[in-house]
Amino acid sequence: MTHAVEVVGLSKRFGDTIAVDGVDLAVAEGELFSLLGPNGAGKTTLMGMLAGLLEPDGGRALIGGQRAGSSAARALLGVVPQEVALYPDLSAHENLAFWGRMYGLRGDDLRRRCDTLLQVVGLEGRRRDRVGTFSGGMKRRLNIAAALLHRPSVVMLDEPTVGIDPQSRRAILDYVLRLNREGATVFYTTHYMEEAQELSDRIAILDRGRIIALGTHDELVRIVGERDVIDLILGDASAGDAVAAFRDLPGIDSDGSPDQNGRLRLLADDGETALPLLFQRAAEAGVSIRSVAVTEPNLESVFLQLTGRALRD
C-alpha cells in the first residue's frame, strides 16, 4: 500500500538540540491528519523535512512513495509554510501568476487557476491590490491559494491560523475541510487543540521531537480513562482541608493540591453523580466551594496529561 505520507525513523539535530527524534508515522491517501504539539515540539522541523527544505540526519520520508525533496515528490505536494511566502510589492494576482509559473503553469491554464483560487479564498475583489496592503488573514488565505495552483494531491499546512482574526481563521478551517472533501490528503500542524479536534481523522501528539500518542480523537481520549474533570474554586480558608475531605469519595480522585487561586481539579467516573457527593462532603467538613465546573474528557485533557501543565519555551 502506498501512503500519501510515510515517515520512518526520521531525525534532525541542530547542534546539541534534537528537534526530531526518530519519528515514525504513515498518513493514508485522502486522510485529514493533524500533528498537534506545544511550541518548540518539532512540528515545523518535521514539515521542513517532508517538504524537502531540510535534510534529515537519519531515517527517511516519502510523499506518495517518492523521496521527500525529489522532483516527483514536489509535484505531488503543496506546502503552506508558517511564514507567509509572498511578495508585498506585487498584487494578489501577480503573486499567484509568479508561483504558478514556478510550478510550470502557462497561458490559459495559469489564468484560470489564478482566477479560480482568488475566488475560492475570497480575494477576487482585491486581485489588483498590493499584498503589502493586506491584513494578516488575507495574506494567509492567499498563501494557501499559492500552494494549490498545481493541483497537489497532498497539502501540508504549518500552523496557518496563527495570529489572524477569527473570521479569517474560520474561513481557513472551512477551506481545509473542503480541500479534504474534494480528495486531497491534508497534513495539518497546530498547537490549537480545538482545531485538531474539529478537523482530523487522526491526530498525532508531538512533544520534544517524539510522537507520544497517535490515534483518532476517541482513541486519544481513552488515554485519560474517559473520566470527567471537575474544577472547584474553594474559599480561602478551605483550600488546605479540601483534599482530605474528598479523599475517600467513591469514583473521585484528586489531580493534585489546590493552586494559589484555590482551584482544585478532581477526576470523576461520572461528573453528574459526583457533584451531590462533593457538596454533601463539603458541607460536613466545612469546606467552602465558590464555583464548580464539569468538563467531559476531551483532547485538551489528553494533551495536558501527556505533555504536562508547565509552560515551556
C-alpha atoms as a PDB file:
ATOM      1  CA  MET A   1       0.000   0.000   0.000  1.00  0.00           C
ATOM      2  CA  THR A   2       1.294   3.454  -0.949  1.00  0.00           C
ATOM      3  CA  HIS A   3       0.742   6.044   1.746  1.00  0.00           C
ATOM      4  CA  ALA A   4       0.334   9.726   0.953  1.00  0.00           C
ATOM      5  CA  VAL A   5       2.978  10.471   3.609  1.00  0.00           C
ATOM      6  CA  GLU A   6       5.319   7.912   5.169  1.00  0.00           C
ATOM      7  CA  VAL A   7       7.987   8.661   7.757  1.00  0.00           C
ATOM      8  CA  VAL A   8      10.372   6.055   9.180  1.00  0.00           C
ATOM      9  CA  GLY A   9      12.892   6.846  11.925  1.00  0.00           C
ATOM     10  CA  LEU A  10      13.144  10.498  10.888  1.00  0.00           C
ATOM     11  CA  SER A  11      15.609  12.542  12.941  1.00  0.00           C
ATOM     12  CA  LYS A  12      17.058  16.049  12.885  1.00  0.00           C
ATOM     13  CA  ARG A  13      19.508  17.749  15.211  1.00  0.00           C
ATOM     14  CA  PHE A  14      20.618  21.376  15.426  1.00  0.00           C
ATOM     15  CA  GLY A  15      23.839  21.459  17.408  1.00  0.00           C
ATOM     16  CA  ASP A  16      23.094  19.910  20.786  1.00  0.00           C
ATOM     17  CA  THR A  17      19.338  20.186  20.304  1.00  0.00           C
ATOM     18  CA  ILE A  18      17.411  17.178  18.998  1.00  0.00           C
ATOM     19  CA  ALA A  19      14.485  18.720  17.118  1.00  0.00           C
ATOM     20  CA  VAL A  20      13.010  15.498  15.693  1.00  0.00           C
ATOM     21  CA  ASP A  21      13.864  12.213  17.368  1.00  0.00           C
ATOM     22  CA  GLY A  22      13.163   9.024  15.422  1.00  0.00           C
ATOM     23  CA  VAL A  23       9.614   9.793  14.262  1.00  0.00           C
ATOM     24  CA  ASP A  24       7.536   7.066  12.598  1.00  0.00           C
ATOM     25  CA  LEU A  25       4.126   7.736  11.064  1.00  0.00           C
ATOM     26  CA  ALA A  26       2.034   6.983   7.982  1.00  0.00           C
ATOM     27  CA  VAL A  27      -0.805   9.060   6.530  1.00  0.00           C
ATOM     28  CA  ALA A  28      -3.317   7.352   4.240  1.00  0.00           C
ATOM     29  CA  GLU A  29      -4.443   8.826   0.942  1.00  0.00           C
ATOM     30  CA  GLY A  30      -7.447  11.096   1.474  1.00  0.00           C
ATOM     31  CA  GLU A  31      -6.865  11.425   5.210  1.00  0.00           C
ATOM     32  CA  LEU A  32      -7.025  14.674   7.167  1.00  0.00           C
ATOM     33  CA  PHE A  33      -4.172  14.201   9.613  1.00  0.00           C
ATOM     34  CA  SER A  34      -3.189  16.681  12.321  1.00  0.00           C
ATOM     35  CA  LEU A  35       0.140  16.979  14.085  1.00  0.00           C
ATOM     36  CA  LEU A  36      -0.503  18.596  17.454  1.00  0.00           C
ATOM     37  CA  GLY A  37       2.180  19.806  19.809  1.00  0.00           C
ATOM     38  CA  PRO A  38       3.304  22.699  22.007  1.00  0.00           C
ATOM     39  CA  ASN A  39       5.556  25.426  20.630  1.00  0.00           C
ATOM     40  CA  GLY A  40       9.044  24.046  20.091  1.00  0.00           C
ATOM     41  CA  ALA A  41       7.870  20.429  19.836  1.00  0.00           C
ATOM     42  CA  GLY A  42       9.493  19.932  16.410  1.00  0.00           C
ATOM     43  CA  LYS A  43       6.438  20.337  14.161  1.00  0.00           C
ATOM     44  CA  THR A  44       7.960  22.881  11.766  1.00  0.00           C
ATOM     45  CA  THR A  45      11.243  20.942  11.549  1.00  0.00           C
ATOM     46  CA  LEU A  46       9.339  17.789  10.627  1.00  0.00           C
ATOM     47  CA  MET A  47       7.382  19.711   7.995  1.00  0.00           C
ATOM     48  CA  GLY A  48      10.621  21.134   6.601  1.00  0.00           C
ATOM     49  CA  MET A  49      11.993  17.630   6.058  1.00  0.00           C
ATOM     50  CA  LEU A  50       8.763  16.425   4.445  1.00  0.00           C
ATOM     51  CA  ALA A  51       8.838  19.420   2.097  1.00  0.00           C
ATOM     52  CA  GLY A  52      12.466  18.727   1.188  1.00  0.00           C
ATOM     53  CA  LEU A  53      13.673  22.003   2.685  1.00  0.00           C
ATOM     54  CA  LEU A  54      15.754  20.287   5.394  1.00  0.00           C
ATOM     55  CA  GLU A  55      17.942  17.231   5.023  1.00  0.00           C
ATOM     56  CA  PRO A  56      17.268  14.650   7.742  1.00  0.00           C
ATOM     57  CA  ASP A  57      20.126  13.341   9.845  1.00  0.00           C
ATOM     58  CA  GLY A  58      18.552   9.911   9.892  1.00  0.00           C
ATOM     59  CA  GLY A  59      15.577   7.933   8.612  1.00  0.00           C
ATOM     60  CA  ARG A  60      13.511   8.559   5.513  1.00  0.00           C
ATOM     61  CA  ALA A  61      10.413  10.460   4.408  1.00  0.00           C
ATOM     62  CA  LEU A  62       8.240   9.638   1.390  1.00  0.00           C
ATOM     63  CA  ILE A  63       5.467  11.608  -0.330  1.00  0.00           C
ATOM     64  CA  GLY A  64       3.254   9.334  -2.414  1.00  0.00           C
ATOM     65  CA  GLY A  65       6.039   6.762  -2.375  1.00  0.00           C
ATOM     66  CA  GLN A  66       8.593   9.296  -3.671  1.00  0.00           C
ATOM     67  CA  ARG A  67      11.578  10.512  -1.683  1.00  0.00           C
ATOM     68  CA  ALA A  68      10.787  13.809   0.031  1.00  0.00           C
ATOM     69  CA  GLY A  69      12.563  16.649  -1.743  1.00  0.00           C
ATOM     70  CA  SER A  70      12.722  14.860  -5.104  1.00  0.00           C
ATOM     71  CA  SER A  71      11.092  16.458  -8.151  1.00  0.00           C
ATOM     72  CA  ALA A  72       8.494  13.659  -8.203  1.00  0.00           C
ATOM     73  CA  ALA A  73       7.558  14.347  -4.562  1.00  0.00           C
ATOM     74  CA  ARG A  74       7.420  18.119  -5.106  1.00  0.00           C
ATOM     75  CA  ALA A  75       4.954  17.645  -7.960  1.00  0.00           C
ATOM     76  CA  LEU A  76       2.557  15.884  -5.571  1.00  0.00           C
ATOM     77  CA  LEU A  77       2.948  18.333  -2.710  1.00  0.00           C
ATOM     78  CA  GLY A  78       1.546  21.759  -1.878  1.00  0.00           C
ATOM     79  CA  VAL A  79       3.131  23.431   1.145  1.00  0.00           C
ATOM     80  CA  VAL A  80       1.693  26.330   3.145  1.00  0.00           C
ATOM     81  CA  PRO A  81       4.549  27.475   5.411  1.00  0.00           C
ATOM     82  CA  GLN A  82       4.110  29.133   8.774  1.00  0.00           C
ATOM     83  CA  GLU A  83       5.792  32.278   7.462  1.00  0.00           C
ATOM     84  CA  VAL A  84       3.916  33.932   4.592  1.00  0.00           C
ATOM     85  CA  ALA A  85       5.830  33.429   1.314  1.00  0.00           C
ATOM     86  CA  LEU A  86       4.505  36.292  -0.810  1.00  0.00           C
ATOM     87  CA  TYR A  87       5.930  39.397  -2.481  1.00  0.00           C
ATOM     88  CA  PRO A  88       4.425  42.500  -0.810  1.00  0.00           C
ATOM     89  CA  ASP A  89       5.027  44.807  -3.790  1.00  0.00           C
ATOM     90  CA  LEU A  90       3.129  42.541  -6.206  1.00  0.00           C
ATOM     91  CA  SER A  91      -0.637  42.293  -6.436  1.00  0.00           C
ATOM     92  CA  ALA A  92      -2.561  39.212  -5.363  1.00  0.00           C
ATOM     93  CA  HIS A  93      -2.921  38.090  -8.985  1.00  0.00           C
ATOM     94  CA  GLU A  94       0.725  38.795  -9.779  1.00  0.00           C
ATOM     95  CA  ASN A  95       1.830  36.709  -6.791  1.00  0.00           C
ATOM     96  CA  LEU A  96      -0.264  33.757  -7.915  1.00  0.00           C
ATOM     97  CA  ALA A  97       0.890  34.112 -11.511  1.00  0.00           C
ATOM     98  CA  PHE A  98       4.535  34.129 -10.369  1.00  0.00           C
ATOM     99  CA  TRP A  99       4.149  30.973  -8.270  1.00  0.00           C
ATOM    100  CA  GLY A 100       2.074  29.338 -10.994  1.00  0.00           C
ATOM    101  CA  ARG A 101       4.885  29.820 -13.496  1.00  0.00           C
ATOM    102  CA  MET A 102       7.295  28.334 -10.963  1.00  0.00           C
ATOM    103  CA  TYR A 103       5.087  25.236 -10.976  1.00  0.00           C
ATOM    104  CA  GLY A 104       5.194  25.139 -14.797  1.00  0.00           C
ATOM    105  CA  LEU A 105       1.737  26.548 -15.494  1.00  0.00           C
ATOM    106  CA  ARG A 106       1.320  28.744 -18.567  1.00  0.00           C
ATOM    107  CA  GLY A 107      -1.261  30.559 -20.659  1.00  0.00           C
ATOM    108  CA  ASP A 108      -4.977  29.958 -20.207  1.00  0.00           C
ATOM    109  CA  ASP A 109      -4.469  27.230 -17.607  1.00  0.00           C
ATOM    110  CA  LEU A 110      -2.488  29.604 -15.396  1.00  0.00           C
ATOM    111  CA  ARG A 111      -5.049  32.404 -15.778  1.00  0.00           C
ATOM    112  CA  ARG A 112      -7.943  30.074 -14.962  1.00  0.00           C
ATOM    113  CA  ARG A 113      -6.201  28.671 -11.890  1.00  0.00           C
ATOM    114  CA  CYS A 114      -5.386  32.160 -10.574  1.00  0.00           C
ATOM    115  CA  ASP A 115      -8.967  33.346 -11.121  1.00  0.00           C
ATOM    116  CA  THR A 116     -10.497  30.223  -9.561  1.00  0.00           C
ATOM    117  CA  LEU A 117      -8.311  30.287  -6.464  1.00  0.00           C
ATOM    118  CA  LEU A 118      -8.739  34.020  -5.858  1.00  0.00           C
ATOM    119  CA  GLN A 119     -12.483  33.386  -5.876  1.00  0.00           C
ATOM    120  CA  VAL A 120     -12.191  30.344  -3.612  1.00  0.00           C
ATOM    121  CA  VAL A 121     -10.205  32.218  -0.923  1.00  0.00           C
ATOM    122  CA  GLY A 122     -12.437  35.287  -1.153  1.00  0.00           C
ATOM    123  CA  LEU A 123      -9.897  37.691  -2.652  1.00  0.00           C
ATOM    124  CA  GLU A 124     -11.270  38.155  -6.158  1.00  0.00           C
ATOM    125  CA  GLY A 125     -12.187  41.771  -5.390  1.00  0.00           C
ATOM    126  CA  ARG A 126      -8.609  42.509  -4.261  1.00  0.00           C
ATOM    127  CA  ARG A 127      -6.843  40.813  -7.169  1.00  0.00           C
ATOM    128  CA  ARG A 128      -5.086  44.002  -8.329  1.00  0.00           C
ATOM    129  CA  ASP A 129      -4.172  45.318  -4.866  1.00  0.00           C
ATOM    130  CA  ARG A 130      -0.658  45.116  -3.474  1.00  0.00           C
ATOM    131  CA  VAL A 131      -0.237  42.278  -0.987  1.00  0.00           C
ATOM    132  CA  GLY A 132       1.607  44.701   1.303  1.00  0.00           C
ATOM    133  CA  THR A 133      -1.758  46.373   1.983  1.00  0.00           C
ATOM    134  CA  PHE A 134      -3.436  43.105   3.035  1.00  0.00           C
ATOM    135  CA  SER A 135      -4.318  42.053   6.573  1.00  0.00           C
ATOM    136  CA  GLY A 136      -2.631  39.029   8.124  1.00  0.00           C
ATOM    137  CA  GLY A 137      -5.656  36.851   7.444  1.00  0.00           C
ATOM    138  CA  MET A 138      -5.813  37.872   3.789  1.00  0.00           C
ATOM    139  CA  LYS A 139      -2.129  37.068   3.337  1.00  0.00           C
ATOM    140  CA  ARG A 140      -2.649  33.633   4.901  1.00  0.00           C
ATOM    141  CA  ARG A 141      -5.537  32.897   2.537  1.00  0.00           C
ATOM    142  CA  LEU A 142      -3.503  33.993  -0.489  1.00  0.00           C
ATOM    143  CA  ASN A 143      -0.618  31.860   0.759  1.00  0.00           C
ATOM    144  CA  ILE A 144      -2.911  28.828   0.723  1.00  0.00           C
ATOM    145  CA  ALA A 145      -4.057  29.658  -2.798  1.00  0.00           C
ATOM    146  CA  ALA A 146      -0.433  29.800  -3.995  1.00  0.00           C
ATOM    147  CA  ALA A 147       0.204  26.292  -2.658  1.00  0.00           C
ATOM    148  CA  LEU A 148      -2.777  24.884  -4.578  1.00  0.00           C
ATOM    149  CA  LEU A 149      -2.046  26.240  -8.044  1.00  0.00           C
ATOM    150  CA  HIS A 150      -0.589  22.971  -9.399  1.00  0.00           C
ATOM    151  CA  ARG A 151      -3.451  20.825  -8.021  1.00  0.00           C
ATOM    152  CA  PRO A 152      -1.378  18.895  -5.448  1.00  0.00           C
ATOM    153  CA  SER A 153      -2.704  15.604  -4.086  1.00  0.00           C
ATOM    154  CA  VAL A 154      -1.050  16.211  -0.688  1.00  0.00           C
ATOM    155  CA  VAL A 155      -1.392  19.596   1.062  1.00  0.00           C
ATOM    156  CA  MET A 156       0.713  20.446   4.112  1.00  0.00           C
ATOM    157  CA  LEU A 157      -0.237  23.427   6.258  1.00  0.00           C
ATOM    158  CA  ASP A 158       2.078  24.556   9.056  1.00  0.00           C
ATOM    159  CA  GLU A 159       0.046  26.415  11.707  1.00  0.00           C
ATOM    160  CA  PRO A 160      -1.839  28.505   9.109  1.00  0.00           C
ATOM    161  CA  THR A 161      -4.133  30.267  11.606  1.00  0.00           C
ATOM    162  CA  VAL A 162      -1.534  31.724  13.980  1.00  0.00           C
ATOM    163  CA  GLY A 163      -2.040  35.419  14.677  1.00  0.00           C
ATOM    164  CA  ILE A 164      -5.075  36.078  12.497  1.00  0.00           C
ATOM    165  CA  ASP A 165      -8.593  37.347  13.146  1.00  0.00           C
ATOM    166  CA  PRO A 166     -11.456  34.931  13.976  1.00  0.00           C
ATOM    167  CA  GLN A 167     -13.223  35.420  10.628  1.00  0.00           C
ATOM    168  CA  SER A 168     -10.119  34.557   8.600  1.00  0.00           C
ATOM    169  CA  ARG A 169      -9.393  31.641  10.906  1.00  0.00           C
ATOM    170  CA  ARG A 170     -12.874  30.252  10.355  1.00  0.00           C
ATOM    171  CA  ALA A 171     -12.539  30.696   6.573  1.00  0.00           C
ATOM    172  CA  ILE A 172      -9.227  28.812   6.557  1.00  0.00           C
ATOM    173  CA  LEU A 173     -10.589  25.917   8.621  1.00  0.00           C
ATOM    174  CA  ASP A 174     -13.632  25.641   6.353  1.00  0.00           C
ATOM    175  CA  TYR A 175     -11.388  25.618   3.304  1.00  0.00           C
ATOM    176  CA  VAL A 176      -9.164  22.908   4.790  1.00  0.00           C
ATOM    177  CA  LEU A 177     -12.253  20.740   5.267  1.00  0.00           C
ATOM    178  CA  ARG A 178     -13.346  21.491   1.706  1.00  0.00           C
ATOM    179  CA  LEU A 179      -9.939  20.501   0.327  1.00  0.00           C
ATOM    180  CA  ASN A 180     -10.169  17.185   2.096  1.00  0.00           C
ATOM    181  CA  ARG A 181     -13.745  16.548   0.908  1.00  0.00           C
ATOM    182  CA  GLU A 182     -12.558  17.156  -2.643  1.00  0.00           C
ATOM    183  CA  GLY A 183      -9.990  14.365  -2.306  1.00  0.00           C
ATOM    184  CA  ALA A 184      -6.781  15.991  -1.098  1.00  0.00           C
ATOM    185  CA  THR A 185      -4.726  14.423   1.663  1.00  0.00           C
ATOM    186  CA  VAL A 186      -4.194  17.121   4.290  1.00  0.00           C
ATOM    187  CA  PHE A 187      -1.291  17.165   6.771  1.00  0.00           C
ATOM    188  CA  TYR A 188      -2.024  19.933   9.272  1.00  0.00           C
ATOM    189  CA  THR A 189       0.177  21.111  12.136  1.00  0.00           C
ATOM    190  CA  THR A 190      -1.185  23.172  15.016  1.00  0.00           C
ATOM    191  CA  HIS A 191      -0.876  23.850  18.726  1.00  0.00           C
ATOM    192  CA  TYR A 192      -4.586  24.695  18.916  1.00  0.00           C
ATOM    193  CA  MET A 193      -6.363  21.640  20.307  1.00  0.00           C
ATOM    194  CA  GLU A 194      -9.802  22.747  19.141  1.00  0.00           C
ATOM    195  CA  GLU A 195      -8.545  22.856  15.538  1.00  0.00           C
ATOM    196  CA  ALA A 196      -7.111  19.350  15.701  1.00  0.00           C
ATOM    197  CA  GLN A 197     -10.291  18.109  17.351  1.00  0.00           C
ATOM    198  CA  GLU A 198     -12.557  19.657  14.713  1.00  0.00           C
ATOM    199  CA  LEU A 199     -10.572  18.807  11.605  1.00  0.00           C
ATOM    200  CA  SER A 200      -8.887  15.486  11.999  1.00  0.00           C
ATOM    201  CA  ASP A 201      -9.466  11.887  11.061  1.00  0.00           C
ATOM    202  CA  ARG A 202      -6.418  11.081  13.202  1.00  0.00           C
ATOM    203  CA  ILE A 203      -4.136  13.112  15.440  1.00  0.00           C
ATOM    204  CA  ALA A 204      -0.511  12.646  16.447  1.00  0.00           C
ATOM    205  CA  ILE A 205       0.790  14.468  19.517  1.00  0.00           C
ATOM    206  CA  LEU A 206       4.422  15.505  19.116  1.00  0.00           C
ATOM    207  CA  ASP A 207       6.455  16.607  22.117  1.00  0.00           C
ATOM    208  CA  ARG A 208      10.228  17.131  22.422  1.00  0.00           C
ATOM    209  CA  GLY A 209      10.660  15.727  18.921  1.00  0.00           C
ATOM    210  CA  ARG A 210       8.843  12.436  19.555  1.00  0.00           C
ATOM    211  CA  ILE A 211       5.384  11.109  18.775  1.00  0.00           C
ATOM    212  CA  ILE A 212       3.926  10.389  22.212  1.00  0.00           C
ATOM    213  CA  ALA A 213       0.370   9.494  21.128  1.00  0.00           C
ATOM    214  CA  LEU A 214      -1.371   8.701  17.844  1.00  0.00           C
ATOM    215  CA  GLY A 215      -4.978   7.838  17.018  1.00  0.00           C
ATOM    216  CA  THR A 216      -8.478   9.125  16.421  1.00  0.00           C
ATOM    217  CA  HIS A 217      -9.945  11.665  18.811  1.00  0.00           C
ATOM    218  CA  ASP A 218     -11.885   8.953  20.651  1.00  0.00           C
ATOM    219  CA  GLU A 219      -8.824   6.710  20.878  1.00  0.00           C
ATOM    220  CA  LEU A 220      -6.753   9.513  22.368  1.00  0.00           C
ATOM    221  CA  VAL A 221      -9.452  10.470  24.853  1.00  0.00           C
ATOM    222  CA  ARG A 222      -9.418   6.907  26.175  1.00  0.00           C
ATOM    223  CA  ILE A 223      -5.841   7.574  27.315  1.00  0.00           C
ATOM    224  CA  VAL A 224      -7.237   9.601  30.213  1.00  0.00           C
ATOM    225  CA  GLY A 225      -9.753   6.907  31.025  1.00  0.00           C
ATOM    226  CA  GLU A 226     -12.796   8.852  29.759  1.00  0.00           C
ATOM    227  CA  ARG A 227     -13.220  10.475  33.182  1.00  0.00           C
ATOM    228  CA  ASP A 228     -14.906  13.815  33.730  1.00  0.00           C
ATOM    229  CA  VAL A 229     -12.882  16.746  35.066  1.00  0.00           C
ATOM    230  CA  ILE A 230     -14.378  18.714  37.969  1.00  0.00           C
ATOM    231  CA  ASP A 231     -12.807  22.103  38.702  1.00  0.00           C
ATOM    232  CA  LEU A 232     -13.661  23.560  42.101  1.00  0.00           C
ATOM    233  CA  ILE A 233     -12.850  27.085  43.265  1.00  0.00           C
ATOM    234  CA  LEU A 234     -12.554  26.904  47.044  1.00  0.00           C
ATOM    235  CA  GLY A 235     -12.882  29.535  49.735  1.00  0.00           C
ATOM    236  CA  ASP A 236      -9.552  30.796  51.060  1.00  0.00           C
ATOM    237  CA  ALA A 237      -9.879  29.008  54.389  1.00  0.00           C
ATOM    238  CA  SER A 238     -10.988  25.739  52.786  1.00  0.00           C
ATOM    239  CA  ALA A 239      -8.171  25.015  50.358  1.00  0.00           C
ATOM    240  CA  GLY A 240      -5.999  23.145  52.838  1.00  0.00           C
ATOM    241  CA  ASP A 241      -8.827  20.866  54.038  1.00  0.00           C
ATOM    242  CA  ALA A 242     -10.448  20.003  50.711  1.00  0.00           C
ATOM    243  CA  VAL A 243      -8.148  17.208  49.534  1.00  0.00           C
ATOM    244  CA  ALA A 244      -8.537  15.322  52.820  1.00  0.00           C
ATOM    245  CA  ALA A 245     -12.306  15.878  52.821  1.00  0.00           C
ATOM    246  CA  PHE A 246     -12.796  14.436  49.348  1.00  0.00           C
ATOM    247  CA  ARG A 247     -10.139  11.717  49.513  1.00  0.00           C
ATOM    248  CA  ASP A 248     -12.317   8.654  50.134  1.00  0.00           C
ATOM    249  CA  LEU A 249     -15.328   9.532  47.968  1.00  0.00           C
ATOM    250  CA  PRO A 250     -16.122   6.663  45.548  1.00  0.00           C
ATOM    251  CA  GLY A 251     -15.303   7.281  41.881  1.00  0.00           C
ATOM    252  CA  ILE A 252     -13.492  10.568  42.579  1.00  0.00           C
ATOM    253  CA  ASP A 253      -9.746  11.212  42.601  1.00  0.00           C
ATOM    254  CA  SER A 254      -7.712  14.356  43.174  1.00  0.00           C
ATOM    255  CA  ASP A 255      -5.407  15.634  40.440  1.00  0.00           C
ATOM    256  CA  GLY A 256      -3.150  17.394  42.981  1.00  0.00           C
ATOM    257  CA  SER A 257      -3.490  20.114  45.602  1.00  0.00           C
ATOM    258  CA  PRO A 258      -5.376  23.419  45.282  1.00  0.00           C
ATOM    259  CA  ASP A 259      -3.399  26.041  43.380  1.00  0.00           C
ATOM    260  CA  GLN A 260      -2.702  29.578  44.612  1.00  0.00           C
ATOM    261  CA  ASN A 261      -6.118  30.694  43.370  1.00  0.00           C
ATOM    262  CA  GLY A 262      -7.909  27.973  45.340  1.00  0.00           C
ATOM    263  CA  ARG A 263      -8.649  25.827  42.315  1.00  0.00           C
ATOM    264  CA  LEU A 264      -8.786  22.082  42.924  1.00  0.00           C
ATOM    265  CA  ARG A 265      -9.102  19.696  39.984  1.00  0.00           C
ATOM    266  CA  LEU A 266     -10.783  16.333  40.527  1.00  0.00           C
ATOM    267  CA  LEU A 267     -11.296  13.372  38.179  1.00  0.00           C
ATOM    268  CA  ALA A 268     -14.645  11.598  38.377  1.00  0.00           C
ATOM    269  CA  ASP A 269     -16.103   8.496  36.756  1.00  0.00           C
ATOM    270  CA  ASP A 270     -19.370  10.414  36.336  1.00  0.00           C
ATOM    271  CA  GLY A 271     -19.420  14.154  36.995  1.00  0.00           C
ATOM    272  CA  GLU A 272     -23.181  14.420  37.483  1.00  0.00           C
ATOM    273  CA  THR A 273     -23.203  11.620  40.080  1.00  0.00           C
ATOM    274  CA  ALA A 274     -20.134  13.048  41.819  1.00  0.00           C
ATOM    275  CA  LEU A 275     -21.462  16.581  42.403  1.00  0.00           C
ATOM    276  CA  PRO A 276     -24.071  15.773  45.090  1.00  0.00           C
ATOM    277  CA  LEU A 277     -21.471  13.694  46.958  1.00  0.00           C
ATOM    278  CA  LEU A 278     -18.960  16.542  46.790  1.00  0.00           C
ATOM    279  CA  PHE A 279     -21.398  19.148  48.096  1.00  0.00           C
ATOM    280  CA  GLN A 280     -22.567  16.862  50.885  1.00  0.00           C
ATOM    281  CA  ARG A 281     -18.997  16.101  51.993  1.00  0.00           C
ATOM    282  CA  ALA A 282     -18.021  19.789  51.692  1.00  0.00           C
ATOM    283  CA  ALA A 283     -20.903  20.765  53.985  1.00  0.00           C
ATOM    284  CA  GLU A 284     -19.936  18.096  56.505  1.00  0.00           C
ATOM    285  CA  ALA A 285     -16.257  19.144  56.505  1.00  0.00           C
ATOM    286  CA  GLY A 286     -16.898  22.900  56.494  1.00  0.00           C
ATOM    287  CA  VAL A 287     -15.277  23.287  53.072  1.00  0.00           C
ATOM    288  CA  SER A 288     -16.466  26.367  51.155  1.00  0.00           C
ATOM    289  CA  ILE A 289     -16.991  25.892  47.383  1.00  0.00           C
ATOM    290  CA  ARG A 290     -17.300  29.163  45.457  1.00  0.00           C
ATOM    291  CA  SER A 291     -17.817  27.688  41.986  1.00  0.00           C
ATOM    292  CA  VAL A 292     -17.776  24.368  40.162  1.00  0.00           C
ATOM    293  CA  ALA A 293     -17.329  23.378  36.503  1.00  0.00           C
ATOM    294  CA  VAL A 294     -17.587  19.897  34.971  1.00  0.00           C
ATOM    295  CA  THR A 295     -15.808  19.089  31.703  1.00  0.00           C
ATOM    296  CA  GLU A 296     -16.171  15.851  29.791  1.00  0.00           C
ATOM    297  CA  PRO A 297     -12.895  14.261  28.603  1.00  0.00           C
ATOM    298  CA  ASN A 298     -11.501  15.958  25.512  1.00  0.00           C
ATOM    299  CA  LEU A 299      -8.296  16.435  23.581  1.00  0.00           C
ATOM    300  CA  GLU A 300      -7.094  19.110  25.998  1.00  0.00           C
ATOM    301  CA  SER A 301      -7.242  16.583  28.832  1.00  0.00           C
ATOM    302  CA  VAL A 302      -5.057  14.188  26.826  1.00  0.00           C
ATOM    303  CA  PHE A 303      -2.638  16.922  25.777  1.00  0.00           C
ATOM    304  CA  LEU A 304      -2.117  18.254  29.294  1.00  0.00           C
ATOM    305  CA  GLN A 305      -1.726  14.796  30.768  1.00  0.00           C
ATOM    306  CA  LEU A 306       0.878  13.759  28.197  1.00  0.00           C
ATOM    307  CA  THR A 307       2.872  16.973  27.835  1.00  0.00           C
ATOM    308  CA  GLY A 308       2.463  18.396  31.367  1.00  0.00           C
ATOM    309  CA  ARG A 309       0.878  21.603  32.581  1.00  0.00           C
ATOM    310  CA  ALA A 310       4.040  23.671  32.955  1.00  0.00           C
ATOM    311  CA  LEU A 311       4.773  26.332  30.339  1.00  0.00           C
ATOM    312  CA  ARG A 312       7.887  25.637  28.297  1.00  0.00           C
ATOM    313  CA  ASP A 313       9.903  27.788  25.882  1.00  0.00           C
END
